PDB file of N, CA and C in Angstrom:
ATOM      1  N   UNK A   1       8.981  -3.057  77.421  1.00  0.00           N
ATOM      2  CA  UNK A   1       8.636  -1.708  78.159  1.00  0.00           C
ATOM      3  C   UNK A   1       9.696  -0.862  77.738  1.00  0.00           C
ATOM      4  N   UNK A   2       9.467   0.264  77.445  1.00  0.00           N
ATOM      5  CA  UNK A   2      10.514   1.316  76.811  1.00  0.00           C
ATOM      6  C   UNK A   2      11.291   1.878  78.008  1.00  0.00           C
ATOM      7  N   UNK A   3      12.410   2.471  77.632  1.00  0.00           N
ATOM      8  CA  UNK A   3      13.183   3.152  78.659  1.00  0.00           C
ATOM      9  C   UNK A   3      12.324   4.055  79.606  1.00  0.00           C
ATOM     10  N   UNK A   4      11.700   4.895  78.970  1.00  0.00           N
ATOM     11  CA  UNK A   4      10.811   5.871  79.751  1.00  0.00           C
ATOM     12  C   UNK A   4       9.911   5.239  80.692  1.00  0.00           C
ATOM     13  N   UNK A   5       9.246   4.124  80.159  1.00  0.00           N
ATOM     14  CA  UNK A   5       8.347   3.391  81.090  1.00  0.00           C
ATOM     15  C   UNK A   5       9.249   2.635  82.257  1.00  0.00           C
ATOM     16  N   UNK A   6      10.296   2.062  82.000  1.00  0.00           N
ATOM     17  CA  UNK A   6      11.213   1.472  82.943  1.00  0.00           C
ATOM     18  C   UNK A   6      11.579   2.443  83.991  1.00  0.00           C
ATOM     19  N   UNK A   7      12.009   3.669  83.470  1.00  0.00           N
ATOM     20  CA  UNK A   7      12.567   4.664  84.355  1.00  0.00           C
ATOM     21  C   UNK A   7      11.295   5.220  85.126  1.00  0.00           C
ATOM     22  N   UNK A   8      10.230   5.422  84.823  1.00  0.00           N
ATOM     23  CA  UNK A   8       9.209   5.733  85.440  1.00  0.00           C
ATOM     24  C   UNK A   8       8.765   4.945  86.467  1.00  0.00           C
ATOM     25  N   UNK A   9       8.652   3.583  86.238  1.00  0.00           N
ATOM     26  CA  UNK A   9       8.286   2.551  87.067  1.00  0.00           C
ATOM     27  C   UNK A   9       9.470   2.550  88.310  1.00  0.00           C
ATOM     28  N   UNK A  10      10.741   2.552  87.920  1.00  0.00           N
ATOM     29  CA  UNK A  10      11.767   2.576  88.778  1.00  0.00           C
ATOM     30  C   UNK A  10      11.706   3.846  89.720  1.00  0.00           C
ATOM     31  N   UNK A  11      11.498   5.082  89.273  1.00  0.00           N
ATOM     32  CA  UNK A  11      11.371   6.285  89.995  1.00  0.00           C
ATOM     33  C   UNK A  11      10.118   6.002  91.030  1.00  0.00           C
ATOM     34  N   UNK A  12       8.999   5.546  90.479  1.00  0.00           N
ATOM     35  CA  UNK A  12       7.727   5.366  91.374  1.00  0.00           C
ATOM     36  C   UNK A  12       8.243   4.304  92.501  1.00  0.00           C
ATOM     37  N   UNK A  13       8.743   3.258  92.224  1.00  0.00           N
ATOM     38  CA  UNK A  13       9.238   2.292  93.198  1.00  0.00           C
ATOM     39  C   UNK A  13      10.257   2.826  94.122  1.00  0.00           C
ATOM     40  N   UNK A  14      11.137   3.631  93.701  1.00  0.00           N
ATOM     41  CA  UNK A  14      12.084   4.413  94.557  1.00  0.00           C
ATOM     42  C   UNK A  14      11.479   5.350  95.589  1.00  0.00           C
ATOM     43  N   UNK A  15      10.528   6.076  95.037  1.00  0.00           N
ATOM     44  CA  UNK A  15       9.884   7.050  95.934  1.00  0.00           C
ATOM     45  C   UNK A  15       9.035   6.261  96.961  1.00  0.00           C
ATOM     46  N   UNK A  16       8.425   5.175  96.671  1.00  0.00           N
ATOM     47  CA  UNK A  16       7.647   4.374  97.610  1.00  0.00           C
ATOM     48  C   UNK A  16       8.559   3.795  98.675  1.00  0.00           C
ATOM     49  N   UNK A  17       9.867   3.517  98.301  1.00  0.00           N
ATOM     50  CA  UNK A  17      10.638   2.755  99.143  1.00  0.00           C
ATOM     51  C   UNK A  17      11.683   3.675  99.954  1.00  0.00           C
ATOM     52  N   UNK A  18      11.628   4.971  99.676  1.00  0.00           N
ATOM     53  CA  UNK A  18      12.571   5.875 100.089  1.00  0.00           C
ATOM     54  C   UNK A  18      11.806   7.105 100.720  1.00  0.00           C
ATOM     55  N   UNK A  19      11.306   6.963 101.937  1.00  0.00           N
ATOM     56  CA  UNK A  19      10.445   7.981 102.516  1.00  0.00           C
ATOM     57  C   UNK A  19      11.272   9.448 102.647  1.00  0.00           C
ATOM     58  N   UNK A  20      12.476   9.366 102.903  1.00  0.00           N
ATOM     59  CA  UNK A  20      13.233  10.674 103.027  1.00  0.00           C
ATOM     60  C   UNK A  20      13.242  11.337 101.582  1.00  0.00           C
ATOM     61  N   UNK A  21      13.370  10.659 100.535  1.00  0.00           N
ATOM     62  CA  UNK A  21      13.224  11.219  99.216  1.00  0.00           C
ATOM     63  C   UNK A  21      11.977  11.583  98.892  1.00  0.00           C
ATOM     64  N   UNK A  22      10.923  10.819  99.199  1.00  0.00           N
ATOM     65  CA  UNK A  22       9.582  11.305  98.941  1.00  0.00           C
ATOM     66  C   UNK A  22       9.212  12.639  99.662  1.00  0.00           C
ATOM     67  N   UNK A  23       9.707  12.825 100.890  1.00  0.00           N
ATOM     68  CA  UNK A  23       9.493  13.801 101.795  1.00  0.00           C
ATOM     69  C   UNK A  23      10.326  15.087 101.151  1.00  0.00           C
ATOM     70  N   UNK A  24      11.485  14.980 100.704  1.00  0.00           N
ATOM     71  CA  UNK A  24      12.166  16.087  99.956  1.00  0.00           C
ATOM     72  C   UNK A  24      11.430  16.586  98.774  1.00  0.00           C
ATOM     73  N   UNK A  25      11.069  15.696  97.927  1.00  0.00           N
ATOM     74  CA  UNK A  25      10.258  15.868  96.680  1.00  0.00           C
ATOM     75  C   UNK A  25       8.879  16.638  96.959  1.00  0.00           C
ATOM     76  N   UNK A  26       8.158  16.125  97.882  1.00  0.00           N
ATOM     77  CA  UNK A  26       6.994  16.624  98.337  1.00  0.00           C
ATOM     78  C   UNK A  26       7.235  18.212  98.784  1.00  0.00           C
ATOM     79  N   UNK A  27       8.180  18.278  99.549  1.00  0.00           N
ATOM     80  CA  UNK A  27       8.516  19.767 100.068  1.00  0.00           C
ATOM     81  C   UNK A  27       8.941  20.658  98.964  1.00  0.00           C
ATOM     82  N   UNK A  28       9.738  20.212  97.966  1.00  0.00           N
ATOM     83  CA  UNK A  28      10.022  21.070  96.800  1.00  0.00           C
ATOM     84  C   UNK A  28       8.844  21.320  96.013  1.00  0.00           C
ATOM     85  N   UNK A  29       8.009  20.432  95.785  1.00  0.00           N
ATOM     86  CA  UNK A  29       6.827  20.623  95.003  1.00  0.00           C
ATOM     87  C   UNK A  29       5.768  21.540  95.729  1.00  0.00           C
ATOM     88  N   UNK A  30       5.693  21.404  97.019  1.00  0.00           N
ATOM     89  CA  UNK A  30       4.840  22.261  97.682  1.00  0.00           C
ATOM     90  C   UNK A  30       5.247  23.667  97.721  1.00  0.00           C
ATOM     91  N   UNK A  31       6.566  23.917  97.844  1.00  0.00           N
ATOM     92  CA  UNK A  31       7.127  25.281  97.572  1.00  0.00           C
ATOM     93  C   UNK A  31       6.943  25.846  96.232  1.00  0.00           C
ATOM     94  N   UNK A  32       6.984  25.029  95.205  1.00  0.00           N
ATOM     95  CA  UNK A  32       6.779  25.543  93.759  1.00  0.00           C
ATOM     96  C   UNK A  32       5.311  25.843  93.638  1.00  0.00           C
ATOM     97  N   UNK A  33       4.429  24.887  94.174  1.00  0.00           N
ATOM     98  CA  UNK A  33       2.909  25.207  94.070  1.00  0.00           C
ATOM     99  C   UNK A  33       2.470  26.506  94.810  1.00  0.00           C
ATOM    100  N   UNK A  34       3.052  26.654  95.968  1.00  0.00           N
ATOM    101  CA  UNK A  34       2.706  27.787  96.761  1.00  0.00           C
ATOM    102  C   UNK A  34       3.178  29.097  96.058  1.00  0.00           C
ATOM    103  N   UNK A  35       4.287  29.105  95.309  1.00  0.00           N
ATOM    104  CA  UNK A  35       4.758  30.237  94.790  1.00  0.00           C
ATOM    105  C   UNK A  35       4.223  30.415  93.175  1.00  0.00           C
ATOM    106  N   UNK A  36       3.422  29.299  92.762  1.00  0.00           N
ATOM    107  CA  UNK A  36       2.999  29.459  91.345  1.00  0.00           C
ATOM    108  C   UNK A  36       2.069  30.604  91.102  1.00  0.00           C
ATOM    109  N   UNK A  37       1.238  30.936  92.096  1.00  0.00           N
ATOM    110  CA  UNK A  37       0.214  31.820  91.820  1.00  0.00           C
ATOM    111  C   UNK A  37       0.522  33.253  92.637  1.00  0.00           C
ATOM    112  N   UNK A  38       1.969  33.376  92.922  1.00  0.00           N
ATOM    113  CA  UNK A  38       2.356  34.676  93.580  1.00  0.00           C
ATOM    114  C   UNK A  38       3.429  35.240  92.818  1.00  0.00           C
ATOM    115  N   UNK A  39       3.512  36.500  92.377  1.00  0.00           N
ATOM    116  CA  UNK A  39       4.600  37.002  91.708  1.00  0.00           C
ATOM    117  C   UNK A  39       5.628  37.304  92.684  1.00  0.00           C
ATOM    118  N   UNK A  40       6.449  36.216  93.125  1.00  0.00           N
ATOM    119  CA  UNK A  40       7.623  36.409  93.936  1.00  0.00           C
ATOM    120  C   UNK A  40       8.750  36.839  93.173  1.00  0.00           C
ATOM    121  N   UNK A  41       8.843  36.331  91.916  1.00  0.00           N
ATOM    122  CA  UNK A  41      10.091  36.396  91.137  1.00  0.00           C
ATOM    123  C   UNK A  41       9.866  36.988  89.793  1.00  0.00           C
ATOM    124  N   UNK A  42      10.756  37.504  89.188  1.00  0.00           N
ATOM    125  CA  UNK A  42      10.504  37.987  87.827  1.00  0.00           C
ATOM    126  C   UNK A  42      10.646  36.528  86.890  1.00  0.00           C
ATOM    127  N   UNK A  43      10.326  36.898  85.642  1.00  0.00           N
ATOM    128  CA  UNK A  43      10.243  35.643  84.742  1.00  0.00           C
ATOM    129  C   UNK A  43      11.741  35.021  84.660  1.00  0.00           C
ATOM    130  N   UNK A  44      12.751  35.893  84.576  1.00  0.00           N
ATOM    131  CA  UNK A  44      13.982  35.471  84.524  1.00  0.00           C
ATOM    132  C   UNK A  44      14.478  34.689  85.862  1.00  0.00           C
ATOM    133  N   UNK A  45      14.071  35.144  86.841  1.00  0.00           N
ATOM    134  CA  UNK A  45      14.362  34.508  88.182  1.00  0.00           C
ATOM    135  C   UNK A  45      13.663  33.177  88.087  1.00  0.00           C
ATOM    136  N   UNK A  46      12.385  33.025  87.895  1.00  0.00           N
ATOM    137  CA  UNK A  46      11.786  31.791  87.853  1.00  0.00           C
ATOM    138  C   UNK A  46      12.217  30.773  86.890  1.00  0.00           C
ATOM    139  N   UNK A  47      12.814  31.237  85.624  1.00  0.00           N
ATOM    140  CA  UNK A  47      13.386  30.273  84.799  1.00  0.00           C
ATOM    141  C   UNK A  47      14.707  29.743  85.362  1.00  0.00           C
ATOM    142  N   UNK A  48      15.475  30.718  86.005  1.00  0.00           N
ATOM    143  CA  UNK A  48      16.737  30.236  86.626  1.00  0.00           C
ATOM    144  C   UNK A  48      16.454  29.171  87.899  1.00  0.00           C
ATOM    145  N   UNK A  49      15.299  29.527  88.655  1.00  0.00           N
ATOM    146  CA  UNK A  49      15.155  28.609  89.733  1.00  0.00           C
ATOM    147  C   UNK A  49      14.366  27.202  89.189  1.00  0.00           C
ATOM    148  N   UNK A  50      13.704  27.378  88.121  1.00  0.00           N
ATOM    149  CA  UNK A  50      13.202  26.020  87.580  1.00  0.00           C
ATOM    150  C   UNK A  50      14.239  25.164  86.982  1.00  0.00           C
ATOM    151  N   UNK A  51      15.240  25.944  86.367  1.00  0.00           N
ATOM    152  CA  UNK A  51      16.381  25.244  85.923  1.00  0.00           C
ATOM    153  C   UNK A  51      17.376  24.527  87.102  1.00  0.00           C
ATOM    154  N   UNK A  52      17.493  25.361  88.188  1.00  0.00           N
ATOM    155  CA  UNK A  52      18.032  24.852  89.279  1.00  0.00           C
ATOM    156  C   UNK A  52      17.308  23.613  89.849  1.00  0.00           C
ATOM    157  N   UNK A  53      16.116  23.745  90.040  1.00  0.00           N
ATOM    158  CA  UNK A  53      15.261  22.653  90.483  1.00  0.00           C
ATOM    159  C   UNK A  53      15.343  21.438  89.659  1.00  0.00           C
ATOM    160  N   UNK A  54      15.434  21.590  88.268  1.00  0.00           N
ATOM    161  CA  UNK A  54      15.551  20.272  87.581  1.00  0.00           C
ATOM    162  C   UNK A  54      17.110  19.699  87.681  1.00  0.00           C
ATOM    163  N   UNK A  55      17.992  20.591  87.974  1.00  0.00           N
ATOM    164  CA  UNK A  55      19.368  19.984  88.159  1.00  0.00           C
ATOM    165  C   UNK A  55      19.429  19.375  89.500  1.00  0.00           C
ATOM    166  N   UNK A  56      18.871  19.918  90.472  1.00  0.00           N
ATOM    167  CA  UNK A  56      18.900  19.417  91.786  1.00  0.00           C
ATOM    168  C   UNK A  56      18.266  17.960  91.766  1.00  0.00           C
ATOM    169  N   UNK A  57      16.966  18.131  91.199  1.00  0.00           N
ATOM    170  CA  UNK A  57      16.306  16.641  91.102  1.00  0.00           C
ATOM    171  C   UNK A  57      16.774  15.618  90.223  1.00  0.00           C
ATOM    172  N   UNK A  58      17.623  15.996  89.163  1.00  0.00           N
ATOM    173  CA  UNK A  58      18.463  14.983  88.625  1.00  0.00           C
ATOM    174  C   UNK A  58      19.550  14.398  89.401  1.00  0.00           C
ATOM    175  N   UNK A  59      20.084  15.218  90.276  1.00  0.00           N
ATOM    176  CA  UNK A  59      21.146  14.755  91.120  1.00  0.00           C
ATOM    177  C   UNK A  59      20.707  13.989  92.171  1.00  0.00           C
ATOM    178  N   UNK A  60      19.528  14.358  92.869  1.00  0.00           N
ATOM    179  CA  UNK A  60      18.900  13.451  93.796  1.00  0.00           C
ATOM    180  C   UNK A  60      18.542  12.112  93.225  1.00  0.00           C
ATOM    181  N   UNK A  61      17.869  12.079  91.959  1.00  0.00           N
ATOM    182  CA  UNK A  61      17.489  10.785  91.435  1.00  0.00           C
ATOM    183  C   UNK A  61      18.690  10.072  91.156  1.00  0.00           C
ATOM    184  N   UNK A  62      19.749  10.468  90.716  1.00  0.00           N
ATOM    185  CA  UNK A  62      20.993   9.750  90.422  1.00  0.00           C
ATOM    186  C   UNK A  62      21.471   9.187  91.655  1.00  0.00           C
ATOM    187  N   UNK A  63      21.587   9.814  92.788  1.00  0.00           N
ATOM    188  CA  UNK A  63      22.150   9.334  94.131  1.00  0.00           C
ATOM    189  C   UNK A  63      21.142   8.268  94.611  1.00  0.00           C
ATOM    190  N   UNK A  64      19.933   8.604  94.497  1.00  0.00           N
ATOM    191  CA  UNK A  64      18.850   7.675  94.972  1.00  0.00           C
ATOM    192  C   UNK A  64      18.870   6.254  94.361  1.00  0.00           C
ATOM    193  N   UNK A  65      19.083   6.322  93.139  1.00  0.00           N
ATOM    194  CA  UNK A  65      19.063   5.168  92.284  1.00  0.00           C
ATOM    195  C   UNK A  65      20.395   4.276  92.524  1.00  0.00           C
ATOM    196  N   UNK A  66      21.462   5.020  92.796  1.00  0.00           N
ATOM    197  CA  UNK A  66      22.628   4.359  93.163  1.00  0.00           C
ATOM    198  C   UNK A  66      22.624   3.775  94.597  1.00  0.00           C
ATOM    199  N   UNK A  67      21.787   4.391  95.399  1.00  0.00           N
ATOM    200  CA  UNK A  67      21.662   4.072  96.803  1.00  0.00           C
ATOM    201  C   UNK A  67      22.710   4.602  97.758  1.00  0.00           C
ATOM    202  N   UNK A  68      23.129   5.719  97.283  1.00  0.00           N
ATOM    203  CA  UNK A  68      24.130   6.422  98.002  1.00  0.00           C
ATOM    204  C   UNK A  68      23.542   7.136  99.263  1.00  0.00           C
ATOM    205  N   UNK A  69      24.263   7.238 100.373  1.00  0.00           N
ATOM    206  CA  UNK A  69      23.868   7.943 101.566  1.00  0.00           C
ATOM    207  C   UNK A  69      24.539   9.140 101.682  1.00  0.00           C
ATOM    208  N   UNK A  70      24.172  10.109 102.492  1.00  0.00           N
ATOM    209  CA  UNK A  70      24.821  11.252 102.662  1.00  0.00           C
ATOM    210  C   UNK A  70      26.207  11.029 103.121  1.00  0.00           C
ATOM    211  N   UNK A  71      26.496  10.101 104.103  1.00  0.00           N
ATOM    212  CA  UNK A  71      27.798   9.855 104.642  1.00  0.00           C
ATOM    213  C   UNK A  71      28.824   9.363 103.568  1.00  0.00           C
ATOM    214  N   UNK A  72      28.189   8.774 102.446  1.00  0.00           N
ATOM    215  CA  UNK A  72      29.079   8.248 101.460  1.00  0.00           C
ATOM    216  C   UNK A  72      29.230   9.439 100.424  1.00  0.00           C
ATOM    217  N   UNK A  73      28.645  10.448 100.524  1.00  0.00           N
ATOM    218  CA  UNK A  73      28.530  11.547  99.414  1.00  0.00           C
ATOM    219  C   UNK A  73      29.727  12.702 100.148  1.00  0.00           C
ATOM    220  N   UNK A  74      29.860  12.567 101.349  1.00  0.00           N
ATOM    221  CA  UNK A  74      30.776  13.737 102.139  1.00  0.00           C
ATOM    222  C   UNK A  74      32.082  13.113 102.263  1.00  0.00           C
TER     223      UNK A  74
END
């Protein structure tokens, strides 16, 4: 199994076993989808927000994989 396949399998398993993470991801995706067909932002703003989203999601995945809780992060 390749690294990408292992990562994808692990991410899928993590989402299934971590309902709070799944809820957060679903909420973020719903917000993006709702805004996708509406010109709320300029192209530059959208690019910035998409980059922010990628950074946030990477942080969420990193902490989720480590099993860190909010209390441990504060």
